[in-house]
């Protein structure tokens, strides 16, 4: 087989090509756009009906990593607030078969389906999203729960392990958002995308080292910011939720006993979070109550992040003071 060598480009031509490029510009919405306008007034409703309407969820949701306990709680909450259908994407949805069967039993009128999807596979995602839209009629919500963690020291993480963490946590969320966002634009329906970030996106964890996870979750915040700005004109709101330490199987086991003790002792509420406690922000962001919320991150951590930040400042201040006093005494 004959391969043609790429033509050489002179430095001058390369520079001219660079300086001649035209940068695309984002387009913002205007007040007349029905996809970004306020929802109709509910003043004619009774107070109880207004309360229900305020947090009503409409349409169909795709939930990645949907077999996990946090995702299952979110699915139940969306259905409780009115979602018509839930499509669960997971590499092994059978792991949550009992929970999924319970959802189907409790919400007989809702369409609840599972698909084996690897969020690293762009083609598989596009096919699954298209099938979801075809089966349910539309896709109006995306919740990205799929994620992995690695708690090795930075010097021990191989390049393939590093790539795996970012490919699932960050790129996987991006691929799903791109595919679902494209579908929402095609539908002209608007919608809500919620990334599951972490307090690890805001600070370094202790005592466990998890640099890959921290980086992958920090990137989600900027992904959220960028898409929120670019897709606002389509009525697509993009937000994130940053959970603290949640009491799930990922944080169980004798090997985590010391870590759990540290996490709870440093939390003002003295405990870890429960999966159901993440559902309030999720419902808010997916309902009409979150109509004017986009580009936001809601931290759900029992105020752990703030306390650790203060502790870190105190520790650093004390260390600097000790060094200064030592210098003065020595002088």
C-alpha atoms as a PDB file:
ATOM      1  CA  UNK A   1       0.000   0.000   0.000  1.00  0.00           C
ATOM      2  CA  UNK A   2       1.284   3.442  -0.941  1.00  0.00           C
ATOM      3  CA  UNK A   3       1.150   6.244   1.603  1.00  0.00           C
ATOM      4  CA  UNK A   4       1.607   9.806   0.442  1.00  0.00           C
ATOM      5  CA  UNK A   5       3.873  11.849   2.650  1.00  0.00           C
ATOM      6  CA  UNK A   6       2.217  14.962   4.049  1.00  0.00           C
ATOM      7  CA  UNK A   7       3.209  18.090   2.172  1.00  0.00           C
ATOM      8  CA  UNK A   8       5.668  20.297   3.961  1.00  0.00           C
ATOM      9  CA  UNK A   9       4.274  23.637   5.078  1.00  0.00           C
ATOM     10  CA  UNK A  10       6.590  26.576   5.318  1.00  0.00           C
ATOM     11  CA  UNK A  11       6.821  28.528   8.532  1.00  0.00           C
ATOM     12  CA  UNK A  12       5.428  31.587   6.745  1.00  0.00           C
ATOM     13  CA  UNK A  13       2.417  29.656   5.398  1.00  0.00           C
ATOM     14  CA  UNK A  14       1.750  28.150   8.806  1.00  0.00           C
ATOM     15  CA  UNK A  15       1.852  31.568  10.405  1.00  0.00           C
ATOM     16  CA  UNK A  16      -0.420  33.069   7.741  1.00  0.00           C
ATOM     17  CA  UNK A  17      -2.898  30.236   8.226  1.00  0.00           C
ATOM     18  CA  UNK A  18      -2.881  30.848  11.961  1.00  0.00           C
ATOM     19  CA  UNK A  19      -3.390  34.597  11.740  1.00  0.00           C
ATOM     20  CA  UNK A  20      -6.062  34.286   9.035  1.00  0.00           C
ATOM     21  CA  UNK A  21      -8.323  32.013  11.019  1.00  0.00           C
ATOM     22  CA  UNK A  22     -11.776  33.199  12.064  1.00  0.00           C
ATOM     23  CA  UNK A  23     -12.757  32.366  15.629  1.00  0.00           C
ATOM     24  CA  UNK A  24     -16.406  31.325  16.088  1.00  0.00           C
ATOM     25  CA  UNK A  25     -18.435  33.281  18.625  1.00  0.00           C
ATOM     26  CA  UNK A  26     -20.979  32.121  21.164  1.00  0.00           C
ATOM     27  CA  UNK A  27     -24.487  33.508  20.816  1.00  0.00           C
ATOM     28  CA  UNK A  28     -26.374  34.554  23.927  1.00  0.00           C
ATOM     29  CA  UNK A  29     -30.114  34.271  24.362  1.00  0.00           C
ATOM     30  CA  UNK A  30     -32.475  37.229  24.350  1.00  0.00           C
ATOM     31  CA  UNK A  31     -35.506  37.929  26.490  1.00  0.00           C
ATOM     32  CA  UNK A  32     -37.890  36.882  23.736  1.00  0.00           C
ATOM     33  CA  UNK A  33     -36.575  33.321  23.551  1.00  0.00           C
ATOM     34  CA  UNK A  34     -39.291  31.021  24.954  1.00  0.00           C
ATOM     35  CA  UNK A  35     -36.656  28.439  25.895  1.00  0.00           C
ATOM     36  CA  UNK A  36     -35.039  30.862  28.346  1.00  0.00           C
ATOM     37  CA  UNK A  37     -38.065  32.948  29.349  1.00  0.00           C
ATOM     38  CA  UNK A  38     -39.675  32.583  32.800  1.00  0.00           C
ATOM     39  CA  UNK A  39     -42.265  29.871  33.199  1.00  0.00           C
ATOM     40  CA  UNK A  40     -45.940  30.903  33.141  1.00  0.00           C
ATOM     41  CA  UNK A  41     -47.313  32.256  36.403  1.00  0.00           C
ATOM     42  CA  UNK A  42     -48.963  29.797  38.787  1.00  0.00           C
ATOM     43  CA  UNK A  43     -50.764  32.449  40.837  1.00  0.00           C
ATOM     44  CA  UNK A  44     -54.128  31.012  39.839  1.00  0.00           C
ATOM     45  CA  UNK A  45     -53.353  27.722  41.594  1.00  0.00           C
ATOM     46  CA  UNK A  46     -54.060  26.842  45.193  1.00  0.00           C
ATOM     47  CA  UNK A  47     -51.013  27.052  47.521  1.00  0.00           C
ATOM     48  CA  UNK A  48     -50.616  23.278  47.764  1.00  0.00           C
ATOM     49  CA  UNK A  49     -50.840  22.916  43.986  1.00  0.00           C
ATOM     50  CA  UNK A  50     -48.325  25.708  43.484  1.00  0.00           C
ATOM     51  CA  UNK A  51     -45.889  23.953  45.796  1.00  0.00           C
ATOM     52  CA  UNK A  52     -46.218  20.746  43.786  1.00  0.00           C
ATOM     53  CA  UNK A  53     -45.921  22.574  40.469  1.00  0.00           C
ATOM     54  CA  UNK A  54     -42.809  24.458  41.605  1.00  0.00           C
ATOM     55  CA  UNK A  55     -40.716  21.299  41.910  1.00  0.00           C
ATOM     56  CA  UNK A  56     -42.452  19.259  39.224  1.00  0.00           C
ATOM     57  CA  UNK A  57     -40.138  17.332  36.902  1.00  0.00           C
ATOM     58  CA  UNK A  58     -41.260  16.852  33.314  1.00  0.00           C
ATOM     59  CA  UNK A  59     -39.910  14.658  30.552  1.00  0.00           C
ATOM     60  CA  UNK A  60     -37.395  11.841  30.410  1.00  0.00           C
ATOM     61  CA  UNK A  61     -33.976  11.381  31.960  1.00  0.00           C
ATOM     62  CA  UNK A  62     -30.825   9.498  31.071  1.00  0.00           C
ATOM     63  CA  UNK A  63     -28.767   8.561  34.124  1.00  0.00           C
ATOM     64  CA  UNK A  64     -25.224   7.297  33.600  1.00  0.00           C
ATOM     65  CA  UNK A  65     -23.655   5.054  36.197  1.00  0.00           C
ATOM     66  CA  UNK A  66     -27.294   4.351  36.904  1.00  0.00           C
ATOM     67  CA  UNK A  67     -26.729   1.119  38.811  1.00  0.00           C
ATOM     68  CA  UNK A  68     -25.041   2.930  41.702  1.00  0.00           C
ATOM     69  CA  UNK A  69     -26.862   3.773  44.919  1.00  0.00           C
ATOM     70  CA  UNK A  70     -26.619   7.560  44.447  1.00  0.00           C
ATOM     71  CA  UNK A  71     -27.982   7.279  40.913  1.00  0.00           C
ATOM     72  CA  UNK A  72     -30.793   4.981  42.013  1.00  0.00           C
ATOM     73  CA  UNK A  73     -31.889   7.450  44.686  1.00  0.00           C
ATOM     74  CA  UNK A  74     -31.846  10.221  42.073  1.00  0.00           C
ATOM     75  CA  UNK A  75     -33.927   8.124  39.677  1.00  0.00           C
ATOM     76  CA  UNK A  76     -36.539   7.487  42.359  1.00  0.00           C
ATOM     77  CA  UNK A  77     -36.688  11.182  43.273  1.00  0.00           C
ATOM     78  CA  UNK A  78     -37.183  12.255  39.648  1.00  0.00           C
ATOM     79  CA  UNK A  79     -39.995   9.737  39.247  1.00  0.00           C
ATOM     80  CA  UNK A  80     -41.612  10.892  42.495  1.00  0.00           C
ATOM     81  CA  UNK A  81     -41.651  14.436  41.142  1.00  0.00           C
ATOM     82  CA  UNK A  82     -43.190  13.509  37.812  1.00  0.00           C
ATOM     83  CA  UNK A  83     -40.564  12.235  35.370  1.00  0.00           C
ATOM     84  CA  UNK A  84     -42.179  10.176  32.614  1.00  0.00           C
ATOM     85  CA  UNK A  85     -39.257   7.904  31.861  1.00  0.00           C
ATOM     86  CA  UNK A  86     -35.809   6.913  33.077  1.00  0.00           C
ATOM     87  CA  UNK A  87     -33.107   5.335  30.946  1.00  0.00           C
ATOM     88  CA  UNK A  88     -30.297   3.872  33.017  1.00  0.00           C
ATOM     89  CA  UNK A  89     -26.913   3.668  31.308  1.00  0.00           C
ATOM     90  CA  UNK A  90     -24.347   1.474  33.060  1.00  0.00           C
ATOM     91  CA  UNK A  91     -21.618  -0.987  32.099  1.00  0.00           C
ATOM     92  CA  UNK A  92     -23.505  -3.569  34.163  1.00  0.00           C
ATOM     93  CA  UNK A  93     -27.074  -2.467  34.928  1.00  0.00           C
ATOM     94  CA  UNK A  94     -27.844  -5.926  36.340  1.00  0.00           C
ATOM     95  CA  UNK A  95     -25.998  -4.883  39.511  1.00  0.00           C
ATOM     96  CA  UNK A  96     -29.052  -2.822  40.445  1.00  0.00           C
ATOM     97  CA  UNK A  97     -31.720  -5.186  39.122  1.00  0.00           C
ATOM     98  CA  UNK A  98     -33.533  -5.452  42.454  1.00  0.00           C
ATOM     99  CA  UNK A  99     -33.645  -1.672  42.855  1.00  0.00           C
ATOM    100  CA  UNK A 100     -34.737  -1.193  39.244  1.00  0.00           C
ATOM    101  CA  UNK A 101     -37.511  -3.759  39.662  1.00  0.00           C
ATOM    102  CA  UNK A 102     -38.681  -1.835  42.733  1.00  0.00           C
ATOM    103  CA  UNK A 103     -38.847   1.367  40.687  1.00  0.00           C
ATOM    104  CA  UNK A 104     -40.918  -0.360  38.031  1.00  0.00           C
ATOM    105  CA  UNK A 105     -43.259  -1.712  40.684  1.00  0.00           C
ATOM    106  CA  UNK A 106     -43.673   1.662  42.404  1.00  0.00           C
ATOM    107  CA  UNK A 107     -44.067   3.736  39.216  1.00  0.00           C
ATOM    108  CA  UNK A 108     -46.245   1.646  36.932  1.00  0.00           C
ATOM    109  CA  UNK A 109     -46.950   4.417  34.431  1.00  0.00           C
ATOM    110  CA  UNK A 110     -43.289   5.350  33.947  1.00  0.00           C
ATOM    111  CA  UNK A 111     -41.023   3.863  31.313  1.00  0.00           C
ATOM    112  CA  UNK A 112     -37.900   2.538  33.062  1.00  0.00           C
ATOM    113  CA  UNK A 113     -35.284   0.921  30.848  1.00  0.00           C
ATOM    114  CA  UNK A 114     -31.652  -0.101  31.171  1.00  0.00           C
ATOM    115  CA  UNK A 115     -28.896  -0.118  28.600  1.00  0.00           C
ATOM    116  CA  UNK A 116     -25.383  -1.524  28.880  1.00  0.00           C
ATOM    117  CA  UNK A 117     -23.293   1.516  27.941  1.00  0.00           C
ATOM    118  CA  UNK A 118     -19.623   2.323  28.506  1.00  0.00           C
ATOM    119  CA  UNK A 119     -19.319   6.108  28.776  1.00  0.00           C
ATOM    120  CA  UNK A 120     -15.891   5.915  27.111  1.00  0.00           C
ATOM    121  CA  UNK A 121     -17.481   4.680  23.873  1.00  0.00           C
ATOM    122  CA  UNK A 122     -18.690   7.703  21.889  1.00  0.00           C
ATOM    123  CA  UNK A 123     -20.395   5.648  19.199  1.00  0.00           C
ATOM    124  CA  UNK A 124     -22.252   3.493  21.715  1.00  0.00           C
ATOM    125  CA  UNK A 125     -23.403   6.625  23.547  1.00  0.00           C
ATOM    126  CA  UNK A 126     -24.771   8.214  20.364  1.00  0.00           C
ATOM    127  CA  UNK A 127     -26.660   5.034  19.494  1.00  0.00           C
ATOM    128  CA  UNK A 128     -28.072   4.699  23.020  1.00  0.00           C
ATOM    129  CA  UNK A 129     -29.167   8.349  23.162  1.00  0.00           C
ATOM    130  CA  UNK A 130     -30.866   8.073  19.756  1.00  0.00           C
ATOM    131  CA  UNK A 131     -32.658   4.892  20.858  1.00  0.00           C
ATOM    132  CA  UNK A 132     -33.737   6.566  24.085  1.00  0.00           C
ATOM    133  CA  UNK A 133     -35.173   9.571  22.250  1.00  0.00           C
ATOM    134  CA  UNK A 134     -36.924   7.296  19.757  1.00  0.00           C
ATOM    135  CA  UNK A 135     -38.451   5.095  22.451  1.00  0.00           C
ATOM    136  CA  UNK A 136     -39.480   7.844  24.880  1.00  0.00           C
ATOM    137  CA  UNK A 137     -40.147  10.650  22.413  1.00  0.00           C
ATOM    138  CA  UNK A 138     -37.522  13.007  23.827  1.00  0.00           C
ATOM    139  CA  UNK A 139     -34.683  13.410  26.300  1.00  0.00           C
ATOM    140  CA  UNK A 140     -34.952  16.396  28.644  1.00  0.00           C
ATOM    141  CA  UNK A 141     -32.547  15.477  31.448  1.00  0.00           C
ATOM    142  CA  UNK A 142     -29.072  13.984  31.772  1.00  0.00           C
ATOM    143  CA  UNK A 143     -27.487  13.046  35.092  1.00  0.00           C
ATOM    144  CA  UNK A 144     -23.854  11.910  34.924  1.00  0.00           C
ATOM    145  CA  UNK A 145     -23.111   9.637  37.882  1.00  0.00           C
ATOM    146  CA  UNK A 146     -20.634   7.311  36.146  1.00  0.00           C
ATOM    147  CA  UNK A 147     -17.250   7.545  37.833  1.00  0.00           C
ATOM    148  CA  UNK A 148     -14.302   5.687  39.336  1.00  0.00           C
ATOM    149  CA  UNK A 149     -11.750   6.512  42.024  1.00  0.00           C
ATOM    150  CA  UNK A 150      -8.109   5.522  42.573  1.00  0.00           C
ATOM    151  CA  UNK A 151      -6.501   6.049  45.966  1.00  0.00           C
ATOM    152  CA  UNK A 152      -2.862   5.347  45.192  1.00  0.00           C
ATOM    153  CA  UNK A 153       0.006   7.745  45.728  1.00  0.00           C
ATOM    154  CA  UNK A 154       0.889   9.943  42.752  1.00  0.00           C
ATOM    155  CA  UNK A 155       4.208   8.143  42.185  1.00  0.00           C
ATOM    156  CA  UNK A 156       2.426   4.793  41.898  1.00  0.00           C
ATOM    157  CA  UNK A 157      -0.169   5.636  39.225  1.00  0.00           C
ATOM    158  CA  UNK A 158       0.632   4.402  35.722  1.00  0.00           C
ATOM    159  CA  UNK A 159      -0.304   6.373  32.630  1.00  0.00           C
ATOM    160  CA  UNK A 160      -3.037   3.896  31.659  1.00  0.00           C
ATOM    161  CA  UNK A 161      -4.575   4.116  35.125  1.00  0.00           C
ATOM    162  CA  UNK A 162      -4.472   7.918  34.889  1.00  0.00           C
ATOM    163  CA  UNK A 163      -6.158   7.868  31.487  1.00  0.00           C
ATOM    164  CA  UNK A 164      -8.843   5.473  32.715  1.00  0.00           C
ATOM    165  CA  UNK A 165      -9.874   7.805  35.544  1.00  0.00           C
ATOM    166  CA  UNK A 166     -10.114  10.852  33.278  1.00  0.00           C
ATOM    167  CA  UNK A 167     -11.690   8.901  30.416  1.00  0.00           C
ATOM    168  CA  UNK A 168     -14.567   7.746  32.630  1.00  0.00           C
ATOM    169  CA  UNK A 169     -15.032  10.684  34.988  1.00  0.00           C
ATOM    170  CA  UNK A 170     -14.359  13.623  32.677  1.00  0.00           C
ATOM    171  CA  UNK A 171     -14.376  12.561  29.033  1.00  0.00           C
ATOM    172  CA  UNK A 172     -17.263  10.171  29.666  1.00  0.00           C
ATOM    173  CA  UNK A 173     -19.357  13.002  31.082  1.00  0.00           C
ATOM    174  CA  UNK A 174     -18.382  15.201  28.138  1.00  0.00           C
ATOM    175  CA  UNK A 175     -19.316  12.569  25.544  1.00  0.00           C
ATOM    176  CA  UNK A 176     -22.707  11.990  27.160  1.00  0.00           C
ATOM    177  CA  UNK A 177     -23.365  15.720  27.477  1.00  0.00           C
ATOM    178  CA  UNK A 178     -22.373  16.343  23.865  1.00  0.00           C
ATOM    179  CA  UNK A 179     -24.657  13.591  22.594  1.00  0.00           C
ATOM    180  CA  UNK A 180     -27.635  14.493  24.785  1.00  0.00           C
ATOM    181  CA  UNK A 181     -27.096  18.225  24.233  1.00  0.00           C
ATOM    182  CA  UNK A 182     -27.175  17.671  20.479  1.00  0.00           C
ATOM    183  CA  UNK A 183     -30.425  15.743  20.885  1.00  0.00           C
ATOM    184  CA  UNK A 184     -31.945  18.506  23.018  1.00  0.00           C
ATOM    185  CA  UNK A 185     -31.007  21.121  20.420  1.00  0.00           C
ATOM    186  CA  UNK A 186     -32.553  18.964  17.706  1.00  0.00           C
ATOM    187  CA  UNK A 187     -35.761  18.671  19.754  1.00  0.00           C
ATOM    188  CA  UNK A 188     -35.874  22.432  20.462  1.00  0.00           C
ATOM    189  CA  UNK A 189     -37.044  21.410  23.920  1.00  0.00           C
ATOM    190  CA  UNK A 190     -34.353  22.711  26.241  1.00  0.00           C
ATOM    191  CA  UNK A 191     -33.394  20.567  29.184  1.00  0.00           C
ATOM    192  CA  UNK A 192     -31.221  20.066  32.229  1.00  0.00           C
ATOM    193  CA  UNK A 193     -27.786  18.465  32.464  1.00  0.00           C
ATOM    194  CA  UNK A 194     -26.376  17.691  35.903  1.00  0.00           C
ATOM    195  CA  UNK A 195     -22.788  16.565  36.390  1.00  0.00           C
ATOM    196  CA  UNK A 196     -21.881  14.820  39.625  1.00  0.00           C
ATOM    197  CA  UNK A 197     -18.662  16.521  40.663  1.00  0.00           C
ATOM    198  CA  UNK A 198     -17.310  16.242  44.218  1.00  0.00           C
ATOM    199  CA  UNK A 199     -15.803  18.184  47.082  1.00  0.00           C
ATOM    200  CA  UNK A 200     -12.632  16.745  45.537  1.00  0.00           C
ATOM    201  CA  UNK A 201     -13.136  19.321  42.784  1.00  0.00           C
ATOM    202  CA  UNK A 202     -12.729  22.088  45.372  1.00  0.00           C
ATOM    203  CA  UNK A 203      -9.917  20.889  47.624  1.00  0.00           C
ATOM    204  CA  UNK A 204      -7.439  18.075  48.276  1.00  0.00           C
ATOM    205  CA  UNK A 205      -8.861  15.149  50.220  1.00  0.00           C
ATOM    206  CA  UNK A 206      -7.475  13.824  53.487  1.00  0.00           C
ATOM    207  CA  UNK A 207      -6.211  11.329  54.493  1.00  0.00           C
ATOM    208  CA  UNK A 208      -6.392   9.417  51.207  1.00  0.00           C
ATOM    209  CA  UNK A 209      -4.323  10.424  48.140  1.00  0.00           C
ATOM    210  CA  UNK A 210      -6.437  10.467  44.955  1.00  0.00           C
ATOM    211  CA  UNK A 211      -4.879  12.909  42.528  1.00  0.00           C
ATOM    212  CA  UNK A 212      -6.492  11.461  39.397  1.00  0.00           C
ATOM    213  CA  UNK A 213      -9.974  11.633  40.876  1.00  0.00           C
ATOM    214  CA  UNK A 214      -9.442  15.180  42.129  1.00  0.00           C
ATOM    215  CA  UNK A 215      -8.239  16.379  38.726  1.00  0.00           C
ATOM    216  CA  UNK A 216     -11.075  14.631  36.891  1.00  0.00           C
ATOM    217  CA  UNK A 217     -13.728  16.197  39.118  1.00  0.00           C
ATOM    218  CA  UNK A 218     -12.138  19.645  39.001  1.00  0.00           C
ATOM    219  CA  UNK A 219     -12.326  19.492  35.213  1.00  0.00           C
ATOM    220  CA  UNK A 220     -16.057  18.783  35.430  1.00  0.00           C
ATOM    221  CA  UNK A 221     -16.645  22.179  37.008  1.00  0.00           C
ATOM    222  CA  UNK A 222     -15.107  23.983  34.046  1.00  0.00           C
ATOM    223  CA  UNK A 223     -16.920  21.682  31.627  1.00  0.00           C
ATOM    224  CA  UNK A 224     -20.135  22.685  33.370  1.00  0.00           C
ATOM    225  CA  UNK A 225     -19.257  26.383  33.172  1.00  0.00           C
ATOM    226  CA  UNK A 226     -18.390  26.245  29.480  1.00  0.00           C
ATOM    227  CA  UNK A 227     -21.477  24.325  28.389  1.00  0.00           C
ATOM    228  CA  UNK A 228     -23.756  26.479  30.550  1.00  0.00           C
ATOM    229  CA  UNK A 229     -22.564  29.573  28.696  1.00  0.00           C
ATOM    230  CA  UNK A 230     -22.619  28.051  25.225  1.00  0.00           C
ATOM    231  CA  UNK A 231     -25.939  26.220  25.434  1.00  0.00           C
ATOM    232  CA  UNK A 232     -28.008  28.736  27.394  1.00  0.00           C
ATOM    233  CA  UNK A 233     -29.627  30.044  24.209  1.00  0.00           C
ATOM    234  CA  UNK A 234     -31.023  26.572  23.559  1.00  0.00           C
ATOM    235  CA  UNK A 235     -32.689  26.477  26.955  1.00  0.00           C
ATOM    236  CA  UNK A 236     -30.223  23.846  28.142  1.00  0.00           C
ATOM    237  CA  UNK A 237     -29.180  24.435  31.736  1.00  0.00           C
ATOM    238  CA  UNK A 238     -25.923  22.815  32.829  1.00  0.00           C
ATOM    239  CA  UNK A 239     -25.104  22.517  36.526  1.00  0.00           C
ATOM    240  CA  UNK A 240     -23.261  20.235  38.913  1.00  0.00           C
ATOM    241  CA  UNK A 241     -23.622  18.800  42.379  1.00  0.00           C
ATOM    242  CA  UNK A 242     -20.557  18.242  44.577  1.00  0.00           C
ATOM    243  CA  UNK A 243     -21.215  15.563  47.197  1.00  0.00           C
ATOM    244  CA  UNK A 244     -19.072  15.191  50.268  1.00  0.00           C
ATOM    245  CA  UNK A 245     -18.360  11.775  51.750  1.00  0.00           C
ATOM    246  CA  UNK A 246     -21.506   9.708  51.243  1.00  0.00           C
ATOM    247  CA  UNK A 247     -22.310   6.501  53.104  1.00  0.00           C
ATOM    248  CA  UNK A 248     -22.224   4.119  50.136  1.00  0.00           C
ATOM    249  CA  UNK A 249     -20.449   0.866  49.347  1.00  0.00           C
ATOM    250  CA  UNK A 250     -17.514   2.853  47.947  1.00  0.00           C
ATOM    251  CA  UNK A 251     -16.779   4.070  51.465  1.00  0.00           C
ATOM    252  CA  UNK A 252     -17.335   0.799  53.318  1.00  0.00           C
ATOM    253  CA  UNK A 253     -14.924  -1.858  54.584  1.00  0.00           C
ATOM    254  CA  UNK A 254     -12.488  -2.342  57.444  1.00  0.00           C
ATOM    255  CA  UNK A 255      -9.679  -0.821  55.404  1.00  0.00           C
ATOM    256  CA  UNK A 256     -11.511   2.510  55.416  1.00  0.00           C
ATOM    257  CA  UNK A 257     -12.230   2.584  59.150  1.00  0.00           C
ATOM    258  CA  UNK A 258      -9.555   5.177  59.943  1.00  0.00           C
ATOM    259  CA  UNK A 259     -10.514   7.322  56.953  1.00  0.00           C
ATOM    260  CA  UNK A 260     -14.210   7.227  57.901  1.00  0.00           C
ATOM    261  CA  UNK A 261     -13.299   8.256  61.444  1.00  0.00           C
ATOM    262  CA  UNK A 262     -11.358  11.260  60.121  1.00  0.00           C
ATOM    263  CA  UNK A 263     -14.125  12.229  57.707  1.00  0.00           C
ATOM    264  CA  UNK A 264     -16.804  12.192  60.385  1.00  0.00           C
ATOM    265  CA  UNK A 265     -14.703  13.897  63.077  1.00  0.00           C
ATOM    266  CA  UNK A 266     -13.928  16.800  60.732  1.00  0.00           C
ATOM    267  CA  UNK A 267     -17.515  17.223  59.620  1.00  0.00           C
ATOM    268  CA  UNK A 268     -19.575  19.794  61.599  1.00  0.00           C
ATOM    269  CA  UNK A 269     -22.565  17.452  61.406  1.00  0.00           C
ATOM    270  CA  UNK A 270     -20.509  14.554  62.756  1.00  0.00           C
ATOM    271  CA  UNK A 271     -21.461  12.054  60.072  1.00  0.00           C
ATOM    272  CA  UNK A 272     -21.323  11.112  56.418  1.00  0.00           C
ATOM    273  CA  UNK A 273     -24.108  11.929  54.008  1.00  0.00           C
ATOM    274  CA  UNK A 274     -26.917   9.577  53.031  1.00  0.00           C
ATOM    275  CA  UNK A 275     -27.622   8.931  49.317  1.00  0.00           C
ATOM    276  CA  UNK A 276     -31.156  10.330  49.653  1.00  0.00           C
ATOM    277  CA  UNK A 277     -29.718  13.646  50.847  1.00  0.00           C
ATOM    278  CA  UNK A 278     -28.378  14.288  47.360  1.00  0.00           C
ATOM    279  CA  UNK A 279     -31.811  14.170  45.778  1.00  0.00           C
ATOM    280  CA  UNK A 280     -32.987  17.637  46.841  1.00  0.00           C
ATOM    281  CA  UNK A 281     -30.432  19.523  44.726  1.00  0.00           C
ATOM    282  CA  UNK A 282     -30.973  17.106  41.833  1.00  0.00           C
ATOM    283  CA  UNK A 283     -34.730  17.708  41.821  1.00  0.00           C
ATOM    284  CA  UNK A 284     -34.195  21.463  42.142  1.00  0.00           C
ATOM    285  CA  UNK A 285     -31.887  21.554  39.122  1.00  0.00           C
ATOM    286  CA  UNK A 286     -34.170  19.365  37.000  1.00  0.00           C
ATOM    287  CA  UNK A 287     -37.447  21.086  37.901  1.00  0.00           C
ATOM    288  CA  UNK A 288     -39.053  24.410  37.111  1.00  0.00           C
ATOM    289  CA  UNK A 289     -37.707  25.735  40.409  1.00  0.00           C
ATOM    290  CA  UNK A 290     -34.253  25.705  38.816  1.00  0.00           C
ATOM    291  CA  UNK A 291     -35.329  27.548  35.668  1.00  0.00           C
ATOM    292  CA  UNK A 292     -32.913  30.449  36.262  1.00  0.00           C
ATOM    293  CA  UNK A 293     -30.050  28.320  37.590  1.00  0.00           C
ATOM    294  CA  UNK A 294     -27.258  27.397  35.197  1.00  0.00           C
ATOM    295  CA  UNK A 295     -23.508  27.165  35.558  1.00  0.00           C
ATOM    296  CA  UNK A 296     -23.946  26.544  39.295  1.00  0.00           C
ATOM    297  CA  UNK A 297     -22.379  23.959  41.586  1.00  0.00           C
ATOM    298  CA  UNK A 298     -24.243  22.870  44.711  1.00  0.00           C
ATOM    299  CA  UNK A 299     -22.027  21.466  47.461  1.00  0.00           C
ATOM    300  CA  UNK A 300     -23.699  18.811  49.627  1.00  0.00           C
ATOM    301  CA  UNK A 301     -21.158  17.959  52.315  1.00  0.00           C
ATOM    302  CA  UNK A 302     -22.425  18.951  55.772  1.00  0.00           C
ATOM    303  CA  UNK A 303     -20.152  22.017  55.562  1.00  0.00           C
ATOM    304  CA  UNK A 304     -17.061  19.778  55.583  1.00  0.00           C
ATOM    305  CA  UNK A 305     -15.356  21.780  52.855  1.00  0.00           C
ATOM    306  CA  UNK A 306     -15.548  25.061  54.756  1.00  0.00           C
ATOM    307  CA  UNK A 307     -14.253  23.579  58.005  1.00  0.00           C
ATOM    308  CA  UNK A 308     -11.314  21.892  56.321  1.00  0.00           C
ATOM    309  CA  UNK A 309     -10.455  25.135  54.532  1.00  0.00           C
ATOM    310  CA  UNK A 310     -10.445  26.971  57.865  1.00  0.00           C
ATOM    311  CA  UNK A 311      -8.376  24.223  59.486  1.00  0.00           C
ATOM    312  CA  UNK A 312      -5.873  24.419  56.656  1.00  0.00           C
ATOM    313  CA  UNK A 313      -5.594  28.205  57.003  1.00  0.00           C
ATOM    314  CA  UNK A 314      -5.095  27.881  60.769  1.00  0.00           C
ATOM    315  CA  UNK A 315      -2.451  25.219  60.280  1.00  0.00           C
ATOM    316  CA  UNK A 316      -0.590  27.267  57.684  1.00  0.00           C
ATOM    317  CA  UNK A 317      -0.829  30.431  59.763  1.00  0.00           C
ATOM    318  CA  UNK A 318       0.506  28.586  62.798  1.00  0.00           C
ATOM    319  CA  UNK A 319       3.382  27.143  60.813  1.00  0.00           C
ATOM    320  CA  UNK A 320       4.323  30.536  59.389  1.00  0.00           C
ATOM    321  CA  UNK A 321       4.128  32.113  62.858  1.00  0.00           C
ATOM    322  CA  UNK A 322       6.341  29.399  64.323  1.00  0.00           C
ATOM    323  CA  UNK A 323       8.892  29.933  61.596  1.00  0.00           C
ATOM    324  CA  UNK A 324       8.836  33.699  62.095  1.00  0.00           C
ATOM    325  CA  UNK A 325       9.245  33.377  65.875  1.00  0.00           C
ATOM    326  CA  UNK A 326      12.086  30.942  65.376  1.00  0.00           C
ATOM    327  CA  UNK A 327      13.794  33.368  63.030  1.00  0.00           C
ATOM    328  CA  UNK A 328      13.386  36.266  65.495  1.00  0.00           C
ATOM    329  CA  UNK A 329      14.766  34.227  68.413  1.00  0.00           C
ATOM    330  CA  UNK A 330      17.673  33.069  66.304  1.00  0.00           C
ATOM    331  CA  UNK A 331      18.385  36.641  65.191  1.00  0.00           C
END
